Amino acid sequence: MLSDDDAAELYDVLNPWDPDQHPADRFYDDLVVDADSVLDVGCGTGAMLAGAREAGHQGLLAGLDPDPAALARARRRRPDIEWTLGRAAGIRWRAEFSLATMASHAFQCLVTDAALRASLAAIRSALAPHGRFAFETRHPQARAWADWTAAHVTDVVAAGRELRVWHEVESVAGDVVTFTGIAAAPDGTVLRTDRTSLRFLDVTALAAVLADAGLVIDAQYGDWDLGPVTGASKEIITIARRP
């Protein structure tokens, strides 16, 4: 079996943070470097904020995540960053940040209308006036979940062993996709399964929930080269602002 700590290590192996190599990482890194204070909602193992601190960021950096094992890994990385266990809706900071982020499609974990409303309200409250909120969500038109099958296996070395990792979709109900992430030994022995639901909002629905939360869209892109959202876009990358 794979422990929660093993799963946190596996996440870092599958998702290495490297702004020099990955356009998505570079997009967020540029925003973080230019911000006086940053709240990373759904910070995971903390690689983004740790990288900013290591590069010389001297301002307030805070990460929030509901996964204790991921946060333990983040704390080991940089104890000089404020790491907090919790969910977006439970944010208690008030007008302290010039930038809030939800990278790595973390925004899609806000599955219900109630979770979206509460989370966006809390994020808005944590932003200073004119503070910005940056996040991305997979564009539903690209049907990313179509590739989440056992035919798309990734072989990695993590937690001291060779692993095979893939996803299997359980259901697609409206704009919510539920799937299982599976980590197995090379012989196929399943070591861990994690069930997740993600919400795929389109541009119109996304604009509506942001407006309801009192956030104004400053910019929106369809790819990490900052091109417009089109009928072929796989991403909806948004920078919204608290007026």
Protein backbone atom coordinates (compact mmCIF):
# COMPACT_ATOMS: atom_id res chain seq x y z
CA MET A 1 0.00 0.00 0.00
CA LEU A 2 0.95 3.65 -0.38
CA SER A 3 0.58 5.91 2.65
CA ASP A 4 -0.63 9.52 2.53
CA ASP A 5 3.01 10.62 2.82
CA ASP A 6 3.89 8.39 -0.13
CA ALA A 7 1.02 9.92 -2.12
CA ALA A 8 2.36 13.42 -1.41
CA GLU A 9 5.78 12.38 -2.70
CA LEU A 10 4.18 10.78 -5.74
CA TYR A 11 2.37 14.04 -6.49
CA ASP A 12 5.68 15.90 -6.60
CA VAL A 13 7.18 13.28 -8.91
CA LEU A 14 4.22 13.53 -11.28
CA ASN A 15 4.01 17.33 -11.06
CA PRO A 16 7.53 18.76 -10.74
CA TRP A 17 7.54 22.54 -10.29
CA ASP A 18 9.78 24.14 -12.91
CA PRO A 19 8.98 27.63 -14.28
CA ASP A 20 11.85 27.29 -16.75
CA GLN A 21 10.33 24.21 -18.36
CA HIS A 22 6.57 24.46 -17.81
CA PRO A 23 4.59 27.46 -19.15
CA ALA A 24 1.88 27.07 -16.49
CA ASP A 25 4.46 27.24 -13.71
CA ARG A 26 6.06 30.27 -15.35
CA PHE A 27 2.68 32.03 -15.55
CA TYR A 28 2.11 31.69 -11.81
CA ASP A 29 5.72 32.32 -10.88
CA ASP A 30 5.69 35.66 -12.69
CA LEU A 31 2.54 36.70 -10.82
CA VAL A 32 3.89 35.59 -7.44
CA VAL A 33 7.25 37.33 -7.88
CA ASP A 34 5.48 40.63 -8.68
CA ALA A 35 3.03 40.43 -5.74
CA ASP A 36 3.75 41.87 -2.30
CA SER A 37 1.80 39.12 -0.53
CA VAL A 38 0.42 35.82 -1.82
CA LEU A 39 -2.16 33.30 -0.64
CA ASP A 40 -1.95 29.96 -2.48
CA VAL A 41 -5.30 28.18 -2.06
CA GLY A 42 -4.90 24.45 -2.58
CA CYS A 43 -1.14 24.79 -2.21
CA GLY A 44 -0.52 21.03 -2.09
CA THR A 45 3.09 20.28 -1.23
CA GLY A 46 4.03 23.96 -1.44
CA ALA A 47 6.42 23.92 -4.39
CA MET A 48 5.22 27.21 -5.90
CA LEU A 49 5.59 29.35 -2.77
CA ALA A 50 8.78 27.57 -1.73
CA GLY A 51 10.28 28.41 -5.11
CA ALA A 52 9.33 32.06 -4.70
CA ARG A 53 10.90 32.25 -1.25
CA GLU A 54 14.06 30.57 -2.46
CA ALA A 55 14.22 33.11 -5.28
CA GLY A 56 14.19 35.92 -2.73
CA HIS A 57 10.52 36.85 -2.15
CA GLN A 58 10.47 38.76 1.18
CA GLY A 59 6.73 39.35 1.56
CA LEU A 60 3.94 37.42 3.26
CA LEU A 61 3.52 33.98 1.67
CA ALA A 62 0.75 31.68 2.91
CA GLY A 63 -0.46 28.31 1.69
CA LEU A 64 -3.77 26.61 2.46
CA ASP A 65 -4.62 22.95 1.79
CA PRO A 66 -6.91 20.26 3.29
CA ASP A 67 -4.29 17.47 2.98
CA PRO A 68 -2.16 17.09 6.15
CA ALA A 69 0.48 14.97 4.39
CA ALA A 70 0.92 17.52 1.61
CA LEU A 71 1.24 20.33 4.15
CA ALA A 72 3.79 18.35 6.15
CA ARG A 73 5.89 18.13 3.00
CA ALA A 74 5.41 21.86 2.42
CA ARG A 75 6.55 22.68 5.97
CA ARG A 76 9.68 20.61 5.53
CA ARG A 77 10.41 22.56 2.35
CA ARG A 78 10.08 26.05 3.86
CA PRO A 79 9.19 26.54 7.53
CA ASP A 80 9.36 30.32 6.95
CA ILE A 81 6.08 30.24 4.99
CA GLU A 82 2.69 30.24 6.74
CA TRP A 83 1.13 26.83 5.98
CA THR A 84 -2.47 26.30 7.13
CA LEU A 85 -4.64 23.19 7.11
CA GLY A 86 -8.08 23.94 5.73
CA ARG A 87 -10.34 24.57 2.76
CA ALA A 88 -10.99 27.73 0.76
CA ALA A 89 -14.37 28.38 2.37
CA GLY A 90 -12.71 28.49 5.79
CA ILE A 91 -10.22 31.26 4.96
CA ARG A 92 -9.99 33.68 7.87
CA TRP A 93 -7.52 36.24 6.49
CA ARG A 94 -9.00 39.67 5.80
CA ALA A 95 -7.67 42.02 3.10
CA GLU A 96 -4.09 40.83 3.63
CA PHE A 97 -3.08 39.65 0.16
CA SER A 98 -2.38 41.38 -3.14
CA LEU A 99 -2.62 38.01 -4.94
CA ALA A 100 -4.49 34.76 -4.37
CA THR A 101 -3.88 31.72 -6.57
CA MET A 102 -5.45 28.32 -7.23
CA ALA A 103 -2.95 26.55 -9.49
CA SER A 104 -2.92 23.00 -10.90
CA HIS A 105 -6.68 23.08 -11.60
CA ALA A 106 -7.44 23.22 -7.87
CA PHE A 107 -10.41 25.48 -8.65
CA GLN A 108 -12.20 22.47 -10.16
CA CYS A 109 -12.34 20.80 -6.75
CA LEU A 110 -15.08 23.32 -5.83
CA VAL A 111 -17.80 21.01 -7.05
CA THR A 112 -21.06 22.31 -5.56
CA ASP A 113 -22.67 25.72 -5.93
CA ALA A 114 -22.44 26.16 -2.17
CA ALA A 115 -18.71 25.40 -2.15
CA LEU A 116 -18.12 27.82 -5.03
CA ARG A 117 -20.05 30.65 -3.36
CA ALA A 118 -18.44 30.19 0.04
CA SER A 119 -14.93 29.74 -1.33
CA LEU A 120 -15.04 32.72 -3.67
CA ALA A 121 -16.48 34.92 -0.93
CA ALA A 122 -13.66 33.90 1.41
CA ILE A 123 -10.98 34.44 -1.25
CA ARG A 124 -12.41 37.88 -2.04
CA SER A 125 -12.33 38.78 1.65
CA ALA A 126 -8.68 37.72 1.90
CA LEU A 127 -7.71 40.07 -0.94
CA ALA A 128 -6.81 43.70 -0.38
CA PRO A 129 -8.74 46.21 -2.51
CA HIS A 130 -7.65 45.75 -6.15
CA GLY A 131 -6.03 42.43 -5.21
CA ARG A 132 -6.05 39.76 -7.90
CA PHE A 133 -7.16 36.11 -7.98
CA ALA A 134 -5.47 33.87 -10.58
CA PHE A 135 -6.58 30.34 -11.40
CA GLU A 136 -7.21 27.96 -14.27
CA THR A 137 -9.85 25.38 -15.09
CA ARG A 138 -9.93 22.86 -17.92
CA HIS A 139 -12.28 23.99 -20.67
CA PRO A 140 -15.14 21.45 -20.86
CA GLN A 141 -15.13 21.57 -24.67
CA ALA A 142 -11.76 19.77 -24.66
CA ARG A 143 -13.22 16.79 -22.73
CA ALA A 144 -9.95 16.14 -20.89
CA TRP A 145 -11.56 13.26 -19.03
CA ALA A 146 -11.72 11.24 -22.27
CA ASP A 147 -8.03 10.43 -21.75
CA TRP A 148 -8.47 9.38 -18.13
CA THR A 149 -8.40 5.66 -18.84
CA ALA A 150 -6.24 2.64 -18.09
CA ALA A 151 -4.82 3.00 -21.60
CA HIS A 152 -2.98 6.15 -20.49
CA VAL A 153 -0.51 4.85 -17.92
CA THR A 154 2.42 6.79 -16.46
CA ASP A 155 5.42 4.83 -15.14
CA VAL A 156 7.37 6.60 -12.39
CA VAL A 157 9.67 5.93 -9.46
CA ALA A 158 8.34 7.34 -6.18
CA ALA A 159 8.17 6.38 -2.51
CA GLY A 160 11.13 4.07 -3.08
CA ARG A 161 9.47 1.89 -5.68
CA GLU A 162 8.45 1.66 -9.32
CA LEU A 163 4.83 2.62 -9.86
CA ARG A 164 2.26 2.63 -12.62
CA VAL A 165 -0.30 5.44 -12.34
CA TRP A 166 -3.53 6.03 -14.25
CA HIS A 167 -7.11 7.29 -13.93
CA GLU A 168 -10.49 5.68 -14.54
CA VAL A 169 -13.64 7.78 -15.00
CA GLU A 170 -16.59 6.66 -12.92
CA SER A 171 -19.24 9.11 -14.09
CA VAL A 172 -19.93 12.32 -15.99
CA ALA A 173 -22.99 14.04 -14.51
CA GLY A 174 -23.66 17.45 -16.00
CA ASP A 175 -20.49 19.47 -15.46
CA VAL A 176 -19.08 17.16 -12.75
CA VAL A 177 -16.67 14.33 -13.58
CA THR A 178 -15.93 11.72 -10.92
CA PHE A 179 -12.90 9.48 -11.36
CA THR A 180 -10.47 7.26 -9.49
CA GLY A 181 -6.72 7.72 -9.45
CA ILE A 182 -4.89 4.40 -9.23
CA ALA A 183 -1.28 3.69 -8.26
CA ALA A 184 -0.07 0.14 -8.82
CA ALA A 185 3.07 -1.96 -8.81
CA PRO A 186 4.56 -2.91 -12.21
CA ASP A 187 2.82 -6.29 -11.97
CA GLY A 188 -0.56 -4.55 -11.67
CA THR A 189 -1.04 -4.97 -7.93
CA VAL A 190 -3.08 -1.93 -6.85
CA LEU A 191 -1.39 -0.06 -4.01
CA ARG A 192 -3.68 2.94 -3.65
CA THR A 193 -6.90 4.38 -5.05
CA ASP A 194 -8.15 7.95 -4.62
CA ARG A 195 -11.62 9.06 -5.70
CA THR A 196 -12.06 12.65 -6.90
CA SER A 197 -14.80 14.81 -8.40
CA LEU A 198 -14.03 17.86 -10.53
CA ARG A 199 -16.33 20.52 -11.94
CA PHE A 200 -15.91 21.74 -15.52
CA LEU A 201 -17.40 25.22 -15.85
CA ASP A 202 -17.57 26.89 -19.25
CA VAL A 203 -16.73 30.56 -19.86
CA THR A 204 -20.29 31.80 -19.33
CA ALA A 205 -20.85 29.89 -16.09
CA LEU A 206 -17.44 30.92 -14.78
CA ALA A 207 -18.14 34.60 -15.46
CA ALA A 208 -21.44 34.33 -13.61
CA VAL A 209 -20.00 32.81 -10.43
CA LEU A 210 -17.18 35.37 -10.34
CA ALA A 211 -19.62 38.25 -10.80
CA ASP A 212 -21.84 36.89 -8.04
CA ALA A 213 -18.79 36.85 -5.76
CA GLY A 214 -18.01 40.49 -6.49
CA LEU A 215 -14.92 39.74 -8.58
CA VAL A 216 -14.18 41.43 -11.91
CA ILE A 217 -12.41 39.56 -14.70
CA ASP A 218 -9.27 41.45 -15.70
CA ALA A 219 -7.90 38.91 -18.19
CA GLN A 220 -8.76 35.48 -19.54
CA TYR A 221 -6.66 33.20 -21.71
CA GLY A 222 -7.16 29.94 -23.57
CA ASP A 223 -3.57 28.69 -23.33
CA TRP A 224 -0.34 29.28 -21.42
CA ASP A 225 1.01 31.42 -24.27
CA LEU A 226 -1.72 33.88 -23.23
CA GLY A 227 -3.76 33.47 -26.39
CA PRO A 228 -7.52 34.19 -26.33
CA VAL A 229 -10.13 31.63 -25.37
CA THR A 230 -11.35 30.03 -28.61
CA GLY A 231 -13.38 27.07 -29.76
CA ALA A 232 -10.21 24.98 -29.60
CA SER A 233 -8.98 26.06 -26.15
CA LYS A 234 -8.18 23.39 -23.58
CA GLU A 235 -7.89 25.81 -20.66
CA ILE A 236 -9.68 28.81 -19.23
CA ILE A 237 -6.98 30.80 -17.41
CA THR A 238 -8.44 33.68 -15.44
CA ILE A 239 -7.17 36.69 -13.54
CA ALA A 240 -9.98 38.30 -11.57
CA ARG A 241 -9.83 41.33 -9.29
CA ARG A 242 -11.46 42.58 -6.13
CA PRO A 243 -12.62 46.14 -6.97
